[in-house]
Amino acid sequence: MSQAAKAHANNLTALAQSHGRLIDEALMSLELEVAKLIDGLPTQAGALNDLSAAIDIRRGLREAIEAELLVPYNDIVDSLDEVVAGVASQYQSQLVGGILPSGQASVIAELKRLTFSGFEDIANAHLDTMAKFVYQSTLVGEASTDLVQRIRHSINGVYIRANSDEINDLVEFVRDNKDDPAKAEAVDQAISRLQREYASDRAGNNLKKYVGVYSHDSLMQFSANINFSVAKELGADKWVYFGALVEDSREFCQKYKDQVFTTEQINDIWANESWAGKSAGNPFIVRGGYRCQHHFRATFDD
């Protein structure tokens, strides 16, 4: 495998980690802003009691999502130009003057738009969830403190901000060290303690879970889309599947790592084989499945 391809794969991993940290910070900010909005709702003896205010808060929730989550993610989408440069570096000897074909500019712009749109859809779905929580809690006269806690969990799961310094220290430790293999055991212990002592469900249906998976996979699929589009325009028909194996690498990745296939062979494998975690879609784009860190790179006879 060429040094350029390895460098591109390593840069994708670094970008995924960087994007993850940015989104973690954005979610923390969103959690705090939403908590402030709910704390400002009218109450009687600590119980929510104003349905008009519960309906009107939707506007504030939308503004918080746009400011705290969508604006930072727009910066992430802008950084995808680094991915385009990495793809181009893999095919320097095939590109005229080292420049991508002119038709790729519109492809890149549309893929960026779709990447942001998909993230926006997830955020808007959670806006509906939060607005529903507020209205239903007001309807039954729930304590505002209980609603705040539920919505905090709906955003960050067990990784919520809290009044306890101990909880916040554990959350920050996990966030800062989750990508360090040397601290994997300590991170698992911190997560277990958060789960055991401060919340019941680590893998609940919270916003952090969904945007975390989406952020990683949209980055890798953006790269895969550009890679496939450029390589096909250059006349590619043979591909090598590469990437590092980890303890939980899927059967597909373990079986076919470092092998070379024609386009027809890859499509045939995809149509006739199944494995745990296989995703629907084009094999060149979704590869082993969600959170897959393996890649197809075109290879040329010359």
Protein backbone atom coordinates (compact mmCIF):
# COMPACT_ATOMS: atom_id res chain seq x y z
CA MET A 1 0.00 0.00 0.00
CA SER A 2 1.34 3.42 -0.96
CA GLN A 3 2.57 5.86 1.66
CA ALA A 4 0.00 8.40 0.42
CA ALA A 5 -2.85 5.94 1.04
CA LYS A 6 -1.56 5.15 4.53
CA ALA A 7 -1.16 8.85 5.30
CA HIS A 8 -4.71 9.51 4.11
CA ALA A 9 -6.10 6.70 6.28
CA ASN A 10 -4.20 7.99 9.31
CA ASN A 11 -5.45 11.52 8.69
CA LEU A 12 -9.04 10.25 8.50
CA THR A 13 -8.62 8.61 11.90
CA ALA A 14 -7.19 11.82 13.36
CA LEU A 15 -10.01 13.88 11.82
CA ALA A 16 -12.63 11.48 13.22
CA GLN A 17 -11.17 11.93 16.71
CA SER A 18 -10.98 15.71 16.31
CA HIS A 19 -14.56 15.90 15.05
CA GLY A 20 -15.68 13.72 17.96
CA ARG A 21 -14.12 16.11 20.47
CA LEU A 22 -15.74 19.13 18.80
CA ILE A 23 -19.14 17.46 18.88
CA ASP A 24 -18.70 16.45 22.53
CA GLU A 25 -18.03 20.10 23.40
CA ALA A 26 -21.00 21.23 21.31
CA LEU A 27 -23.32 18.78 23.05
CA MET A 28 -22.14 19.96 26.46
CA SER A 29 -22.91 23.56 25.45
CA LEU A 30 -26.29 22.55 24.08
CA GLU A 31 -27.14 20.70 27.28
CA LEU A 32 -26.38 23.77 29.39
CA GLU A 33 -28.37 26.13 27.14
CA VAL A 34 -31.41 23.85 27.09
CA ALA A 35 -31.27 23.46 30.86
CA LYS A 36 -31.33 27.25 31.20
CA LEU A 37 -34.38 27.47 28.95
CA ILE A 38 -36.30 24.92 31.00
CA ASP A 39 -35.25 26.52 34.29
CA GLY A 40 -36.90 29.71 32.98
CA LEU A 41 -40.32 28.10 32.48
CA PRO A 42 -43.12 29.18 34.87
CA THR A 43 -43.76 26.84 37.79
CA GLN A 44 -46.06 26.60 40.77
CA ALA A 45 -44.56 24.98 43.86
CA GLY A 46 -41.78 23.68 41.62
CA ALA A 47 -44.17 22.06 39.14
CA LEU A 48 -44.50 23.14 35.51
CA ASN A 49 -47.92 24.66 34.88
CA ASP A 50 -47.95 26.90 31.76
CA LEU A 51 -48.86 25.09 28.52
CA SER A 52 -48.47 28.24 26.40
CA ALA A 53 -44.89 28.64 27.61
CA ALA A 54 -44.28 24.94 26.97
CA ILE A 55 -45.32 25.42 23.35
CA ASP A 56 -43.40 28.68 22.90
CA ILE A 57 -40.14 27.15 24.16
CA ARG A 58 -39.76 25.28 20.88
CA ARG A 59 -38.37 28.43 19.26
CA GLY A 60 -35.71 28.73 21.93
CA LEU A 61 -34.81 25.05 21.63
CA ARG A 62 -34.38 25.44 17.87
CA GLU A 63 -32.15 28.48 18.31
CA ALA A 64 -30.03 26.59 20.85
CA ILE A 65 -29.57 23.65 18.48
CA GLU A 66 -28.61 25.94 15.62
CA ALA A 67 -26.13 27.97 17.67
CA GLU A 68 -24.57 25.25 19.80
CA LEU A 69 -24.64 22.26 17.45
CA LEU A 70 -25.25 23.12 13.79
CA VAL A 71 -22.79 26.04 13.59
CA PRO A 72 -19.90 23.90 14.95
CA TYR A 73 -20.83 21.05 12.61
CA ASN A 74 -20.76 23.43 9.66
CA ASP A 75 -17.09 24.05 10.55
CA ILE A 76 -16.55 20.29 10.50
CA VAL A 77 -18.05 20.09 7.01
CA ASP A 78 -15.68 22.85 5.87
CA SER A 79 -12.75 20.76 7.11
CA LEU A 80 -13.66 18.01 4.63
CA ASP A 81 -11.43 19.79 2.12
CA GLU A 82 -8.58 18.01 3.93
CA VAL A 83 -10.18 14.71 2.93
CA VAL A 84 -10.36 15.79 -0.72
CA ALA A 85 -6.65 16.66 -0.65
CA GLY A 86 -5.87 13.26 0.87
CA VAL A 87 -7.78 11.42 -1.84
CA ALA A 88 -5.99 13.43 -4.54
CA SER A 89 -2.61 12.57 -3.02
CA GLN A 90 -3.29 8.85 -3.54
CA TYR A 91 -3.62 9.28 -7.32
CA GLN A 92 -0.91 11.83 -8.10
CA SER A 93 0.63 9.70 -10.83
CA GLN A 94 -2.73 9.30 -12.59
CA LEU A 95 -3.93 12.91 -12.25
CA VAL A 96 -2.99 15.47 -14.88
CA GLY A 97 -0.91 18.07 -13.08
CA GLY A 98 -1.90 16.49 -9.77
CA ILE A 99 -5.32 18.18 -10.00
CA LEU A 100 -8.68 16.46 -9.63
CA PRO A 101 -10.84 16.34 -12.79
CA SER A 102 -12.99 19.46 -13.10
CA GLY A 103 -16.22 17.51 -12.76
CA GLN A 104 -15.34 16.56 -9.19
CA ALA A 105 -15.97 20.09 -7.88
CA SER A 106 -19.75 19.72 -8.16
CA VAL A 107 -19.58 16.21 -6.66
CA ILE A 108 -17.66 17.52 -3.64
CA ALA A 109 -20.05 20.42 -3.11
CA GLU A 110 -23.10 18.15 -3.24
CA LEU A 111 -21.57 15.59 -0.88
CA LYS A 112 -20.79 18.37 1.61
CA ARG A 113 -24.38 19.59 1.39
CA LEU A 114 -25.73 16.07 1.97
CA THR A 115 -23.35 15.53 4.89
CA PHE A 116 -24.61 18.65 6.66
CA SER A 117 -28.23 17.88 5.77
CA GLY A 118 -28.05 14.42 7.34
CA PHE A 119 -26.67 15.86 10.58
CA GLU A 120 -29.32 18.57 10.56
CA ASP A 121 -32.04 15.91 10.21
CA ILE A 122 -30.80 14.17 13.38
CA ALA A 123 -30.72 17.47 15.26
CA ASN A 124 -34.23 18.39 14.14
CA ALA A 125 -35.55 14.99 15.18
CA HIS A 126 -34.15 15.60 18.65
CA LEU A 127 -35.73 19.05 18.69
CA ASP A 128 -39.09 17.29 18.31
CA THR A 129 -38.16 14.92 21.15
CA MET A 130 -37.25 17.73 23.54
CA ALA A 131 -40.32 19.81 22.66
CA LYS A 132 -42.52 16.77 23.31
CA PHE A 133 -40.87 16.17 26.68
CA VAL A 134 -41.51 19.77 27.72
CA TYR A 135 -45.17 19.75 26.68
CA GLN A 136 -45.97 16.38 28.24
CA SER A 137 -44.19 17.26 31.48
CA THR A 138 -46.11 20.52 31.73
CA LEU A 139 -49.38 18.75 30.97
CA VAL A 140 -48.96 16.44 33.97
CA GLY A 141 -47.40 19.07 36.24
CA GLU A 142 -43.98 17.42 36.56
CA ALA A 143 -41.25 19.07 38.62
CA SER A 144 -39.03 21.21 36.41
CA THR A 145 -35.92 19.66 37.98
CA ASP A 146 -37.02 16.21 36.83
CA LEU A 147 -37.61 17.48 33.29
CA VAL A 148 -34.18 19.11 33.20
CA GLN A 149 -32.56 15.83 34.21
CA ARG A 150 -34.48 13.84 31.59
CA ILE A 151 -33.56 16.22 28.79
CA ARG A 152 -29.91 16.30 29.89
CA HIS A 153 -29.89 12.51 29.59
CA SER A 154 -31.65 12.70 26.21
CA ILE A 155 -28.75 14.83 24.93
CA ASN A 156 -25.67 13.24 26.51
CA GLY A 157 -26.76 9.97 28.11
CA VAL A 158 -24.66 9.26 31.20
CA TYR A 159 -22.18 11.91 30.07
CA ILE A 160 -24.33 14.77 31.38
CA ARG A 161 -23.03 17.82 33.16
CA ALA A 162 -23.89 17.66 36.85
CA ASN A 163 -23.49 19.56 40.11
CA SER A 164 -21.08 16.86 41.25
CA ASP A 165 -17.41 17.52 40.52
CA GLU A 166 -16.82 13.77 40.66
CA ILE A 167 -19.30 13.11 37.83
CA ASN A 168 -17.85 15.89 35.71
CA ASP A 169 -14.31 14.63 36.28
CA LEU A 170 -15.30 11.13 35.13
CA VAL A 171 -17.06 12.52 32.04
CA GLU A 172 -14.03 14.64 31.10
CA PHE A 173 -11.66 11.72 31.68
CA VAL A 174 -13.65 9.52 29.30
CA ARG A 175 -13.92 12.26 26.70
CA ASP A 176 -10.19 13.08 26.78
CA ASN A 177 -8.88 9.51 26.82
CA LYS A 178 -11.40 7.35 24.93
CA ASP A 179 -9.11 7.16 21.88
CA ASP A 180 -5.97 6.21 23.84
CA PRO A 181 -5.42 2.41 23.77
CA ALA A 182 -3.09 2.66 26.77
CA LYS A 183 -5.94 3.98 28.92
CA ALA A 184 -8.67 1.69 27.61
CA GLU A 185 -9.07 -0.18 30.91
CA ALA A 186 -9.26 3.03 32.96
CA VAL A 187 -11.79 4.48 30.52
CA ASP A 188 -13.95 1.36 30.77
CA GLN A 189 -13.84 1.60 34.56
CA ALA A 190 -14.88 5.26 34.45
CA ILE A 191 -17.75 4.47 32.08
CA SER A 192 -18.86 1.58 34.27
CA ARG A 193 -18.89 3.83 37.32
CA LEU A 194 -20.89 6.50 35.51
CA GLN A 195 -23.33 3.87 34.40
CA ARG A 196 -23.57 2.15 37.77
CA GLU A 197 -23.74 5.15 40.09
CA TYR A 198 -25.14 8.02 38.07
CA ALA A 199 -27.33 6.61 35.30
CA SER A 200 -28.91 3.37 34.24
CA ASP A 201 -28.31 3.26 30.50
CA ARG A 202 -25.05 3.97 28.71
CA ALA A 203 -26.38 3.03 25.24
CA GLY A 204 -29.75 4.76 25.43
CA ASN A 205 -31.33 6.63 22.57
CA ASN A 206 -29.59 9.92 23.27
CA LEU A 207 -28.42 12.58 20.84
CA LYS A 208 -24.76 11.93 21.65
CA LYS A 209 -25.06 8.34 20.47
CA TYR A 210 -26.67 9.23 17.15
CA VAL A 211 -24.51 12.20 16.19
CA GLY A 212 -21.36 10.37 17.28
CA VAL A 213 -22.00 7.48 14.91
CA TYR A 214 -23.15 9.84 12.16
CA SER A 215 -20.12 12.10 12.47
CA HIS A 216 -17.68 9.19 12.15
CA ASP A 217 -19.50 7.40 9.35
CA SER A 218 -20.27 10.52 7.33
CA LEU A 219 -16.56 11.42 7.37
CA MET A 220 -15.50 7.95 6.23
CA GLN A 221 -18.26 7.76 3.62
CA PHE A 222 -17.45 11.23 2.30
CA SER A 223 -13.88 10.02 1.74
CA ALA A 224 -15.12 6.77 0.18
CA ASN A 225 -17.48 8.62 -2.17
CA ILE A 226 -14.79 11.02 -3.39
CA ASN A 227 -12.29 8.19 -3.69
CA PHE A 228 -14.66 6.05 -5.77
CA SER A 229 -15.77 8.95 -7.97
CA VAL A 230 -12.22 10.07 -8.75
CA ALA A 231 -10.87 6.55 -9.28
CA LYS A 232 -13.68 5.56 -11.64
CA GLU A 233 -13.14 8.73 -13.67
CA LEU A 234 -9.50 7.68 -13.96
CA GLY A 235 -10.60 4.31 -15.33
CA ALA A 236 -10.04 2.16 -12.23
CA ASP A 237 -11.39 -1.38 -12.09
CA LYS A 238 -9.17 -2.99 -9.45
CA TRP A 239 -9.16 -2.17 -5.76
CA VAL A 240 -7.18 -3.09 -2.66
CA TYR A 241 -9.00 -3.26 0.67
CA PHE A 242 -6.81 -2.01 3.50
CA GLY A 243 -6.78 -0.76 7.08
CA ALA A 244 -5.70 -1.85 10.54
CA LEU A 245 -7.47 -4.70 12.29
CA VAL A 246 -8.68 -4.27 15.87
CA GLU A 247 -10.09 -6.70 18.39
CA ASP A 248 -13.67 -6.31 17.17
CA SER A 249 -13.00 -5.96 13.42
CA ARG A 250 -15.81 -7.49 11.40
CA GLU A 251 -15.55 -10.79 9.60
CA PHE A 252 -15.59 -9.00 6.23
CA CYS A 253 -12.61 -6.83 7.18
CA GLN A 254 -10.61 -9.71 8.65
CA LYS A 255 -11.24 -11.92 5.63
CA TYR A 256 -10.46 -9.46 2.84
CA LYS A 257 -7.86 -7.09 4.31
CA ASP A 258 -4.99 -6.35 1.87
CA GLN A 259 -6.58 -8.34 -0.96
CA VAL A 260 -7.06 -6.97 -4.48
CA PHE A 261 -10.41 -7.31 -6.31
CA THR A 262 -12.05 -6.17 -9.49
CA THR A 263 -15.21 -4.07 -9.24
CA GLU A 264 -17.24 -7.09 -10.34
CA GLN A 265 -15.71 -9.31 -7.65
CA ILE A 266 -16.47 -6.79 -4.91
CA ASN A 267 -20.08 -6.46 -6.02
CA ASP A 268 -20.39 -10.26 -6.17
CA ILE A 269 -19.03 -10.66 -2.62
CA TRP A 270 -21.42 -7.99 -1.40
CA ALA A 271 -24.43 -9.60 -3.05
CA ASN A 272 -23.72 -13.11 -1.79
CA GLU A 273 -22.12 -12.83 1.65
CA SER A 274 -23.44 -11.67 5.02
CA TRP A 275 -21.72 -10.77 8.28
CA ALA A 276 -22.58 -9.15 11.60
CA GLY A 277 -22.78 -5.38 11.24
CA LYS A 278 -23.16 -5.32 7.44
CA SER A 279 -24.80 -2.07 6.31
CA ALA A 280 -27.14 -1.48 3.40
CA GLY A 281 -25.65 0.48 0.53
CA ASN A 282 -22.83 0.46 -1.99
CA PRO A 283 -19.91 -1.70 -0.78
CA PHE A 284 -17.35 0.91 -1.85
CA ILE A 285 -19.06 3.45 0.41
CA VAL A 286 -20.28 1.56 3.49
CA ARG A 287 -17.43 -1.02 3.46
CA GLY A 288 -17.55 -3.28 6.54
CA GLY A 289 -20.42 -1.43 8.23
CA TYR A 290 -20.98 1.43 10.66
CA ARG A 291 -17.81 2.83 12.28
CA CYS A 292 -15.69 0.85 9.82
CA GLN A 293 -12.15 2.24 9.43
CA HIS A 294 -11.16 0.23 6.35
CA HIS A 295 -10.89 1.60 2.84
CA PHE A 296 -10.88 0.64 -0.82
CA ARG A 297 -8.13 2.21 -2.89
CA ALA A 298 -7.93 1.88 -6.65
CA THR A 299 -4.82 0.18 -7.98
CA PHE A 300 -3.55 0.53 -11.53
CA ASP A 301 -1.49 -1.96 -13.54
CA ASP A 302 1.12 0.66 -14.36
